[in-house]
Amino acid sequence: MALLTEREREVARLLSQGMRPTQIAERLCVSHSTIKTHIANMRGKTGASSTLELAVQAARAGVGSGQ
């Protein structure tokens, strides 16, 4: 998770809280396509095989929780 940009960490944190990409796009005032791009980039950086795996990795890493 250390390789992620600040925005990617924010998206990962919201994913780990159970938000869907469409909800994240609305929350961050960006397009759904932008969130899909962030997720694809994060999956490439982390090796996650799915968005669910990415969310689990983020939760385990404590992304956004001050750890």
C-alpha atoms as a PDB file:
ATOM      1  CA  MET A   1       0.000   0.000   0.000  1.00  0.00           C
ATOM      2  CA  ALA A   2       3.006   2.285   0.400  1.00  0.00           C
ATOM      3  CA  LEU A   3       3.257   2.755  -3.381  1.00  0.00           C
ATOM      4  CA  LEU A   4      -0.221   4.240  -3.653  1.00  0.00           C
ATOM      5  CA  THR A   5      -0.851   7.927  -4.205  1.00  0.00           C
ATOM      6  CA  GLU A   6      -2.794   9.880  -1.612  1.00  0.00           C
ATOM      7  CA  ARG A   7      -5.932   9.728  -3.787  1.00  0.00           C
ATOM      8  CA  GLU A   8      -5.521   5.989  -4.342  1.00  0.00           C
ATOM      9  CA  ARG A   9      -5.224   5.473  -0.579  1.00  0.00           C
ATOM     10  CA  GLU A  10      -8.430   7.453  -0.140  1.00  0.00           C
ATOM     11  CA  VAL A  11     -10.219   5.248  -2.680  1.00  0.00           C
ATOM     12  CA  ALA A  12      -8.771   2.113  -1.039  1.00  0.00           C
ATOM     13  CA  ARG A  13      -9.975   3.295   2.370  1.00  0.00           C
ATOM     14  CA  LEU A  14     -13.507   3.801   1.047  1.00  0.00           C
ATOM     15  CA  LEU A  15     -13.435   0.389  -0.662  1.00  0.00           C
ATOM     16  CA  SER A  16     -12.348  -1.209   2.614  1.00  0.00           C
ATOM     17  CA  GLN A  17     -15.356   0.422   4.287  1.00  0.00           C
ATOM     18  CA  GLY A  18     -17.640  -1.405   1.860  1.00  0.00           C
ATOM     19  CA  MET A  19     -18.393   1.415  -0.561  1.00  0.00           C
ATOM     20  CA  ARG A  20     -18.990   0.541  -4.193  1.00  0.00           C
ATOM     21  CA  PRO A  21     -17.058   2.354  -6.938  1.00  0.00           C
ATOM     22  CA  THR A  22     -20.149   4.347  -7.964  1.00  0.00           C
ATOM     23  CA  GLN A  23     -20.634   5.523  -4.373  1.00  0.00           C
ATOM     24  CA  ILE A  24     -16.962   6.471  -4.122  1.00  0.00           C
ATOM     25  CA  ALA A  25     -17.218   8.489  -7.344  1.00  0.00           C
ATOM     26  CA  GLU A  26     -20.194  10.387  -5.945  1.00  0.00           C
ATOM     27  CA  ARG A  27     -18.448  10.978  -2.606  1.00  0.00           C
ATOM     28  CA  LEU A  28     -15.271  12.279  -4.245  1.00  0.00           C
ATOM     29  CA  CYS A  29     -17.101  14.229  -6.983  1.00  0.00           C
ATOM     30  CA  VAL A  30     -15.352  12.418  -9.825  1.00  0.00           C
ATOM     31  CA  SER A  31     -16.556  10.144 -12.600  1.00  0.00           C
ATOM     32  CA  HIS A  32     -17.086   6.425 -12.208  1.00  0.00           C
ATOM     33  CA  SER A  33     -14.458   5.971 -14.930  1.00  0.00           C
ATOM     34  CA  THR A  34     -11.898   7.834 -12.805  1.00  0.00           C
ATOM     35  CA  ILE A  35     -12.525   5.487  -9.874  1.00  0.00           C
ATOM     36  CA  LYS A  36     -12.249   2.458 -12.156  1.00  0.00           C
ATOM     37  CA  THR A  37      -8.872   3.800 -13.335  1.00  0.00           C
ATOM     38  CA  HIS A  38      -7.692   4.298  -9.745  1.00  0.00           C
ATOM     39  CA  ILE A  39      -8.757   0.743  -8.896  1.00  0.00           C
ATOM     40  CA  ALA A  40      -6.978  -0.697 -11.947  1.00  0.00           C
ATOM     41  CA  ASN A  41      -3.812   1.214 -11.063  1.00  0.00           C
ATOM     42  CA  MET A  42      -3.980   0.064  -7.439  1.00  0.00           C
ATOM     43  CA  ARG A  43      -4.518  -3.551  -8.462  1.00  0.00           C
ATOM     44  CA  GLY A  44      -1.423  -3.316 -10.648  1.00  0.00           C
ATOM     45  CA  LYS A  45       0.662  -1.833  -7.837  1.00  0.00           C
ATOM     46  CA  THR A  46      -0.534  -4.271  -5.163  1.00  0.00           C
ATOM     47  CA  GLY A  47      -0.962  -7.439  -7.232  1.00  0.00           C
ATOM     48  CA  ALA A  48      -4.589  -7.746  -6.107  1.00  0.00           C
ATOM     49  CA  SER A  49      -6.563  -9.994  -8.453  1.00  0.00           C
ATOM     50  CA  SER A  50      -9.910  -8.305  -7.743  1.00  0.00           C
ATOM     51  CA  THR A  51     -11.428  -5.198  -6.229  1.00  0.00           C
ATOM     52  CA  LEU A  52     -12.517  -7.285  -3.251  1.00  0.00           C
ATOM     53  CA  GLU A  53      -8.958  -8.481  -2.673  1.00  0.00           C
ATOM     54  CA  LEU A  54      -7.775  -4.866  -2.925  1.00  0.00           C
ATOM     55  CA  ALA A  55     -10.339  -3.808  -0.291  1.00  0.00           C
ATOM     56  CA  VAL A  56      -9.221  -6.620   2.034  1.00  0.00           C
ATOM     57  CA  GLN A  57      -5.555  -5.673   1.585  1.00  0.00           C
ATOM     58  CA  ALA A  58      -6.395  -2.049   2.384  1.00  0.00           C
ATOM     59  CA  ALA A  59      -8.312  -3.019   5.509  1.00  0.00           C
ATOM     60  CA  ARG A  60      -5.500  -5.298   6.700  1.00  0.00           C
ATOM     61  CA  ALA A  61      -2.942  -2.575   6.044  1.00  0.00           C
ATOM     62  CA  GLY A  62      -5.001  -0.091   8.041  1.00  0.00           C
ATOM     63  CA  VAL A  63      -5.238   2.354   5.139  1.00  0.00           C
ATOM     64  CA  GLY A  64      -6.800   5.539   6.423  1.00  0.00           C
ATOM     65  CA  SER A  65      -6.944   4.405  10.031  1.00  0.00           C
ATOM     66  CA  GLY A  66      -3.765   6.184  11.130  1.00  0.00           C
ATOM     67  CA  GLN A  67      -1.660   2.994  11.306  1.00  0.00           C
END
